[in-house]
N, C-alpha and C. Protein backbone atom coordinates (compact mmCIF):
# COMPACT_ATOMS: atom_id res chain seq x y z
N UNK A 1 71.99 22.87 0.64
CA UNK A 1 72.80 22.45 1.74
C UNK A 1 72.79 23.53 2.82
N UNK A 2 72.63 23.14 4.07
CA UNK A 2 72.57 24.06 5.19
C UNK A 2 73.96 24.21 5.79
N UNK A 3 74.34 25.46 6.08
CA UNK A 3 75.64 25.74 6.68
C UNK A 3 75.52 25.55 8.19
N UNK A 4 75.70 24.33 8.67
CA UNK A 4 75.56 24.05 10.10
C UNK A 4 76.71 24.63 10.91
N UNK A 5 77.90 24.73 10.32
CA UNK A 5 79.04 25.33 11.04
C UNK A 5 78.76 26.80 11.32
N UNK A 6 78.24 27.53 10.33
CA UNK A 6 77.91 28.94 10.53
C UNK A 6 76.81 29.12 11.55
N UNK A 7 75.81 28.25 11.51
CA UNK A 7 74.71 28.30 12.47
C UNK A 7 75.21 28.02 13.88
N UNK A 8 76.09 27.03 14.01
CA UNK A 8 76.66 26.69 15.31
C UNK A 8 77.48 27.85 15.85
N UNK A 9 78.29 28.49 14.98
CA UNK A 9 79.07 29.66 15.41
C UNK A 9 78.17 30.76 15.94
N UNK A 10 77.11 31.08 15.21
CA UNK A 10 76.19 32.13 15.66
C UNK A 10 75.53 31.76 16.98
N UNK A 11 75.17 30.50 17.15
CA UNK A 11 74.54 30.06 18.39
C UNK A 11 75.52 30.19 19.56
N UNK A 12 76.76 29.77 19.33
CA UNK A 12 77.79 29.88 20.37
C UNK A 12 78.03 31.34 20.72
N UNK A 13 78.11 32.21 19.71
CA UNK A 13 78.31 33.64 19.94
C UNK A 13 77.14 34.23 20.71
N UNK A 14 75.92 33.87 20.31
CA UNK A 14 74.71 34.39 20.97
C UNK A 14 74.68 33.99 22.44
N UNK A 15 75.01 32.75 22.71
CA UNK A 15 75.01 32.27 24.11
C UNK A 15 76.06 33.01 24.92
N UNK A 16 77.25 33.20 24.35
CA UNK A 16 78.32 33.92 25.06
C UNK A 16 77.90 35.35 25.37
N UNK A 17 77.26 36.01 24.42
CA UNK A 17 76.80 37.39 24.63
C UNK A 17 75.71 37.44 25.69
N UNK A 18 74.72 36.56 25.58
CA UNK A 18 73.65 36.52 26.58
C UNK A 18 74.21 36.27 27.98
N UNK A 19 75.11 35.31 28.09
CA UNK A 19 75.70 34.99 29.40
C UNK A 19 76.52 36.17 29.93
N UNK A 20 77.29 36.82 29.08
CA UNK A 20 78.11 37.95 29.51
C UNK A 20 77.28 39.14 29.95
N UNK A 21 76.29 39.49 29.17
CA UNK A 21 75.43 40.63 29.53
C UNK A 21 74.61 40.29 30.77
N UNK A 22 74.11 39.07 30.84
CA UNK A 22 73.36 38.64 32.03
C UNK A 22 74.21 38.72 33.28
N UNK A 23 75.47 38.30 33.18
CA UNK A 23 76.37 38.36 34.33
C UNK A 23 76.62 39.80 34.77
N UNK A 24 76.76 40.71 33.79
CA UNK A 24 76.96 42.11 34.13
C UNK A 24 75.74 42.67 34.88
N UNK A 25 74.55 42.31 34.42
CA UNK A 25 73.33 42.76 35.10
C UNK A 25 73.26 42.19 36.51
N UNK A 26 73.55 40.90 36.66
CA UNK A 26 73.51 40.29 38.01
C UNK A 26 74.51 40.96 38.93
N UNK A 27 75.70 41.22 38.42
CA UNK A 27 76.76 41.83 39.23
C UNK A 27 76.37 43.23 39.70
N UNK A 28 75.79 44.02 38.82
CA UNK A 28 75.55 45.43 39.15
C UNK A 28 74.14 45.74 39.65
N UNK A 29 73.16 44.95 39.27
CA UNK A 29 71.79 45.17 39.74
C UNK A 29 71.39 44.22 40.86
N UNK A 30 72.21 43.21 41.11
CA UNK A 30 71.88 42.25 42.17
C UNK A 30 70.96 41.14 41.70
N UNK A 31 70.51 41.22 40.46
CA UNK A 31 69.71 40.16 39.85
C UNK A 31 69.80 40.33 38.34
N UNK A 32 69.59 39.24 37.67
CA UNK A 32 69.59 39.28 36.22
C UNK A 32 68.18 39.18 35.68
N UNK A 33 68.07 39.27 34.39
CA UNK A 33 66.77 39.12 33.74
C UNK A 33 66.34 37.66 33.85
N UNK A 34 65.03 37.42 33.84
CA UNK A 34 64.51 36.06 33.89
C UNK A 34 64.81 35.33 32.58
N UNK A 35 64.75 36.06 31.46
CA UNK A 35 65.02 35.46 30.16
C UNK A 35 65.88 36.43 29.35
N UNK A 36 66.94 35.88 28.76
CA UNK A 36 67.83 36.68 27.92
C UNK A 36 68.01 35.93 26.60
N UNK A 37 67.87 36.67 25.51
CA UNK A 37 68.03 36.08 24.20
C UNK A 37 68.80 37.06 23.31
N UNK A 38 69.82 36.55 22.65
CA UNK A 38 70.63 37.37 21.74
C UNK A 38 70.45 36.87 20.32
N UNK A 39 70.19 37.80 19.43
CA UNK A 39 70.05 37.50 18.01
C UNK A 39 71.18 38.20 17.26
N UNK A 40 71.79 37.50 16.33
CA UNK A 40 72.85 38.08 15.51
C UNK A 40 72.42 37.95 14.06
N UNK A 41 72.41 39.08 13.37
CA UNK A 41 72.05 39.09 11.95
C UNK A 41 72.96 40.06 11.23
N UNK A 42 73.81 39.54 10.37
CA UNK A 42 74.76 40.35 9.59
C UNK A 42 75.55 41.27 10.50
N UNK A 43 75.28 42.57 10.47
CA UNK A 43 76.05 43.55 11.23
C UNK A 43 75.31 44.06 12.47
N UNK A 44 74.32 43.29 12.94
CA UNK A 44 73.51 43.71 14.09
C UNK A 44 73.47 42.60 15.13
N UNK A 45 73.69 43.00 16.38
CA UNK A 45 73.52 42.09 17.51
C UNK A 45 72.49 42.74 18.43
N UNK A 46 71.45 41.99 18.77
CA UNK A 46 70.42 42.50 19.68
C UNK A 46 70.23 41.53 20.82
N UNK A 47 70.34 42.03 22.03
CA UNK A 47 70.08 41.22 23.21
C UNK A 47 68.83 41.75 23.88
N UNK A 48 67.89 40.83 24.11
CA UNK A 48 66.60 41.17 24.73
C UNK A 48 66.58 40.55 26.13
N UNK A 49 66.32 41.39 27.12
CA UNK A 49 66.27 40.93 28.51
C UNK A 49 64.84 41.13 29.02
N UNK A 50 64.21 40.04 29.41
CA UNK A 50 62.82 40.11 29.90
C UNK A 50 62.79 39.98 31.42
N UNK A 51 61.85 40.70 32.02
CA UNK A 51 61.69 40.73 33.47
C UNK A 51 63.02 41.08 34.11
N UNK A 52 63.49 42.28 33.81
CA UNK A 52 64.84 42.69 34.20
C UNK A 52 64.90 43.69 35.35
N UNK A 53 63.77 44.27 35.73
CA UNK A 53 63.80 45.30 36.76
C UNK A 53 63.94 44.71 38.16
N UNK A 54 64.62 45.47 39.02
CA UNK A 54 64.76 45.07 40.42
C UNK A 54 63.45 45.34 41.16
N UNK A 55 63.35 44.85 42.38
CA UNK A 55 62.16 45.08 43.20
C UNK A 55 61.94 46.58 43.42
N UNK A 56 63.00 47.31 43.70
CA UNK A 56 62.90 48.76 43.91
C UNK A 56 62.43 49.45 42.63
N UNK A 57 63.00 49.07 41.49
CA UNK A 57 62.58 49.67 40.22
C UNK A 57 61.12 49.38 39.93
N UNK A 58 60.67 48.17 40.20
CA UNK A 58 59.26 47.81 39.98
C UNK A 58 58.35 48.67 40.85
N UNK A 59 58.76 48.93 42.09
CA UNK A 59 57.97 49.80 42.98
C UNK A 59 57.95 51.22 42.44
N UNK A 60 59.10 51.72 41.98
CA UNK A 60 59.16 53.07 41.42
C UNK A 60 58.25 53.19 40.20
N UNK A 61 58.27 52.17 39.34
CA UNK A 61 57.42 52.17 38.15
C UNK A 61 55.95 52.19 38.55
N UNK A 62 55.59 51.38 39.54
CA UNK A 62 54.20 51.32 40.01
C UNK A 62 53.75 52.67 40.57
N UNK A 63 54.69 53.44 41.12
CA UNK A 63 54.38 54.76 41.69
C UNK A 63 54.48 55.88 40.65
N UNK A 64 54.72 55.51 39.39
CA UNK A 64 54.73 56.51 38.32
C UNK A 64 56.09 57.12 38.02
N UNK A 65 57.17 56.48 38.48
CA UNK A 65 58.51 57.05 38.30
C UNK A 65 59.33 56.29 37.26
N UNK A 66 58.68 55.82 36.19
CA UNK A 66 59.42 55.08 35.17
C UNK A 66 60.50 55.94 34.51
N UNK A 67 60.23 57.22 34.32
CA UNK A 67 61.21 58.10 33.69
C UNK A 67 62.52 58.09 34.48
N UNK A 68 62.44 58.13 35.79
CA UNK A 68 63.63 58.11 36.63
C UNK A 68 64.35 56.76 36.54
N UNK A 69 63.58 55.67 36.47
CA UNK A 69 64.18 54.34 36.32
C UNK A 69 64.92 54.27 34.99
N UNK A 70 64.29 54.74 33.93
CA UNK A 70 64.93 54.72 32.61
C UNK A 70 66.19 55.58 32.60
N UNK A 71 66.14 56.77 33.22
CA UNK A 71 67.32 57.64 33.26
C UNK A 71 68.47 56.97 34.00
N UNK A 72 68.18 56.31 35.10
CA UNK A 72 69.22 55.62 35.86
C UNK A 72 69.80 54.46 35.06
N UNK A 73 68.94 53.69 34.40
CA UNK A 73 69.40 52.58 33.56
C UNK A 73 70.25 53.10 32.40
N UNK A 74 69.84 54.19 31.79
CA UNK A 74 70.60 54.76 30.67
C UNK A 74 71.97 55.23 31.14
N UNK A 75 72.04 55.87 32.31
CA UNK A 75 73.31 56.31 32.86
C UNK A 75 74.22 55.09 33.11
N UNK A 76 73.67 54.04 33.67
CA UNK A 76 74.44 52.81 33.91
C UNK A 76 74.97 52.25 32.59
N UNK A 77 74.12 52.19 31.57
CA UNK A 77 74.54 51.64 30.28
C UNK A 77 75.65 52.48 29.66
N UNK A 78 75.56 53.79 29.81
CA UNK A 78 76.63 54.67 29.31
C UNK A 78 77.95 54.37 30.01
N UNK A 79 77.91 54.18 31.32
CA UNK A 79 79.12 53.88 32.09
C UNK A 79 79.69 52.51 31.70
N UNK A 80 78.80 51.57 31.44
CA UNK A 80 79.22 50.19 31.18
C UNK A 80 79.43 49.91 29.69
N UNK A 81 79.24 50.89 28.85
CA UNK A 81 79.38 50.72 27.40
C UNK A 81 80.67 49.98 27.02
N UNK A 82 81.84 50.36 27.55
CA UNK A 82 83.06 49.64 27.14
C UNK A 82 83.00 48.15 27.47
N UNK A 83 82.45 47.79 28.62
CA UNK A 83 82.39 46.38 29.02
C UNK A 83 81.38 45.62 28.16
N UNK A 84 80.20 46.19 27.91
CA UNK A 84 79.20 45.54 27.06
C UNK A 84 79.76 45.35 25.65
N UNK A 85 80.43 46.37 25.14
CA UNK A 85 81.02 46.31 23.81
C UNK A 85 82.09 45.21 23.75
N UNK A 86 82.89 45.12 24.79
CA UNK A 86 83.93 44.09 24.86
C UNK A 86 83.33 42.69 24.81
N UNK A 87 82.23 42.48 25.51
CA UNK A 87 81.57 41.17 25.51
C UNK A 87 81.18 40.78 24.08
N UNK A 88 80.59 41.72 23.35
CA UNK A 88 80.15 41.44 21.98
C UNK A 88 81.34 41.24 21.05
N UNK A 89 82.34 42.09 21.18
CA UNK A 89 83.52 41.97 20.32
C UNK A 89 84.26 40.65 20.57
N UNK A 90 84.38 40.25 21.84
CA UNK A 90 85.04 38.99 22.16
C UNK A 90 84.28 37.80 21.58
N UNK A 91 82.96 37.86 21.65
CA UNK A 91 82.14 36.73 21.18
C UNK A 91 82.11 36.64 19.65
N UNK A 92 82.06 37.79 18.99
CA UNK A 92 81.89 37.79 17.53
C UNK A 92 83.21 37.92 16.77
N UNK A 93 84.24 38.44 17.43
CA UNK A 93 85.49 38.71 16.74
C UNK A 93 85.42 39.92 15.84
N UNK A 94 84.37 40.74 16.03
CA UNK A 94 84.18 41.93 15.20
C UNK A 94 84.08 43.17 16.08
N UNK A 95 84.45 44.31 15.50
CA UNK A 95 84.42 45.58 16.21
C UNK A 95 83.00 46.15 16.25
N UNK A 96 82.60 46.61 17.42
CA UNK A 96 81.32 47.28 17.58
C UNK A 96 81.48 48.73 17.17
N UNK A 97 80.65 49.19 16.24
CA UNK A 97 80.69 50.57 15.79
C UNK A 97 79.78 51.48 16.59
N UNK A 98 78.67 50.92 17.11
CA UNK A 98 77.71 51.73 17.88
C UNK A 98 76.96 50.82 18.84
N UNK A 99 76.53 51.40 19.96
CA UNK A 99 75.79 50.67 21.00
C UNK A 99 74.61 51.52 21.44
N UNK A 100 73.45 50.88 21.52
CA UNK A 100 72.23 51.55 21.97
C UNK A 100 71.57 50.69 23.05
N UNK A 101 70.91 51.32 23.99
CA UNK A 101 70.23 50.59 25.05
C UNK A 101 68.90 51.28 25.34
N UNK A 102 67.89 50.47 25.57
CA UNK A 102 66.57 51.02 25.88
C UNK A 102 65.80 50.07 26.78
N UNK A 103 64.94 50.63 27.63
CA UNK A 103 64.08 49.82 28.49
C UNK A 103 62.62 50.23 28.28
N UNK A 104 61.76 49.28 28.54
CA UNK A 104 60.31 49.48 28.45
C UNK A 104 59.71 48.85 29.70
N UNK A 105 58.68 49.46 30.27
CA UNK A 105 58.12 48.89 31.50
C UNK A 105 56.87 48.06 31.26
N UNK A 106 56.25 48.17 30.12
CA UNK A 106 55.03 47.40 29.86
C UNK A 106 55.03 46.92 28.41
N UNK A 107 55.65 45.80 28.13
CA UNK A 107 56.16 44.78 29.05
C UNK A 107 57.55 45.14 29.58
N UNK A 108 57.97 44.46 30.63
CA UNK A 108 59.24 44.65 31.31
C UNK A 108 60.36 44.06 30.46
N UNK A 109 60.93 44.89 29.59
CA UNK A 109 61.96 44.43 28.64
C UNK A 109 63.04 45.50 28.49
N UNK A 110 64.27 45.02 28.38
CA UNK A 110 65.39 45.88 28.01
C UNK A 110 65.99 45.33 26.72
N UNK A 111 66.49 46.22 25.88
CA UNK A 111 67.13 45.81 24.63
C UNK A 111 68.50 46.48 24.56
N UNK A 112 69.51 45.65 24.29
CA UNK A 112 70.87 46.14 24.05
C UNK A 112 71.13 45.89 22.56
N UNK A 113 71.44 46.94 21.83
CA UNK A 113 71.62 46.83 20.39
C UNK A 113 73.04 47.26 20.02
N UNK A 114 73.72 46.41 19.28
CA UNK A 114 75.10 46.67 18.86
C UNK A 114 75.15 46.63 17.34
N UNK A 115 75.72 47.66 16.74
CA UNK A 115 75.94 47.69 15.30
C UNK A 115 77.41 47.38 15.07
N UNK A 116 77.66 46.31 14.33
CA UNK A 116 79.02 45.88 14.07
C UNK A 116 79.56 46.56 12.83
N UNK A 117 80.85 46.84 12.84
CA UNK A 117 81.46 47.38 11.63
C UNK A 117 81.47 46.27 10.59
N UNK A 118 81.41 46.65 9.33
CA UNK A 118 81.35 45.68 8.24
C UNK A 118 82.55 44.75 8.28
N UNK A 119 82.25 43.46 8.02
CA UNK A 119 83.30 42.44 8.05
C UNK A 119 83.96 42.26 6.69
N UNK A 120 83.30 42.68 5.63
CA UNK A 120 83.83 42.47 4.30
C UNK A 120 83.21 43.44 3.32
N UNK A 121 83.45 43.21 2.03
CA UNK A 121 82.89 44.12 1.03
C UNK A 121 81.37 44.06 1.01
N UNK A 122 80.77 45.16 0.62
CA UNK A 122 79.31 45.22 0.52
C UNK A 122 78.85 44.48 -0.72
N UNK A 123 77.56 44.39 -0.90
CA UNK A 123 76.99 43.68 -2.04
C UNK A 123 77.46 44.28 -3.37
N UNK A 124 77.78 45.58 -3.39
CA UNK A 124 78.23 46.21 -4.63
C UNK A 124 79.74 46.10 -4.82
N UNK A 125 80.42 45.38 -3.92
CA UNK A 125 81.85 45.16 -4.05
C UNK A 125 82.71 46.25 -3.44
N UNK A 126 82.08 47.28 -2.88
CA UNK A 126 82.83 48.36 -2.25
C UNK A 126 83.47 47.87 -0.96
N UNK A 127 84.62 48.41 -0.58
CA UNK A 127 85.25 47.98 0.66
C UNK A 127 84.39 48.40 1.86
N UNK A 128 84.58 47.72 3.02
CA UNK A 128 83.78 48.08 4.19
C UNK A 128 84.09 49.50 4.66
N UNK A 129 83.09 50.14 5.24
CA UNK A 129 83.24 51.48 5.79
C UNK A 129 83.34 51.35 7.30
N UNK A 130 84.39 51.88 7.89
CA UNK A 130 84.54 51.84 9.32
C UNK A 130 83.91 53.08 9.94
N UNK A 131 83.69 53.04 11.25
CA UNK A 131 83.05 54.16 11.93
C UNK A 131 83.85 55.44 11.74
N UNK A 132 85.19 55.34 11.71
CA UNK A 132 86.01 56.53 11.57
C UNK A 132 85.94 57.12 10.15
N UNK A 133 85.50 56.33 9.17
CA UNK A 133 85.41 56.81 7.79
C UNK A 133 84.04 57.41 7.46
N UNK A 134 83.07 57.17 8.31
CA UNK A 134 81.72 57.65 8.03
C UNK A 134 81.67 59.15 8.21
N UNK A 135 80.86 59.80 7.37
CA UNK A 135 80.65 61.24 7.53
C UNK A 135 79.38 61.46 8.32
N UNK A 136 79.31 62.54 8.97
CA UNK A 136 78.14 62.82 9.82
C UNK A 136 77.28 63.87 9.18
């Protein structure tokens, strides 16, 4: 038997995350990615944005300044971390423990990766470990 309710929930959550992250990009970059897809698997949420660079960024990349484009994007993601995290937490109902962001210019793709705190006991029956309980 297939759990269609669970599948529908994940699809609804994925769409909400894609729409929220896409809106943030449109608001702050003046354009959004051509294609956005969010995948949710257990404690991981990954949003892939294709064809996401602005016209100016594409020109900078063509002139050999991808490092500067990546640094600027990384700085933006650091500033916007609370808002991106809020989008994922609102959609999934789970706390984000960590957020990572990366861009690539060939192909033109950005990835937003969210690690969710455990929702329940692990396979061995141990209670979930929260970010504040983890040792470094």
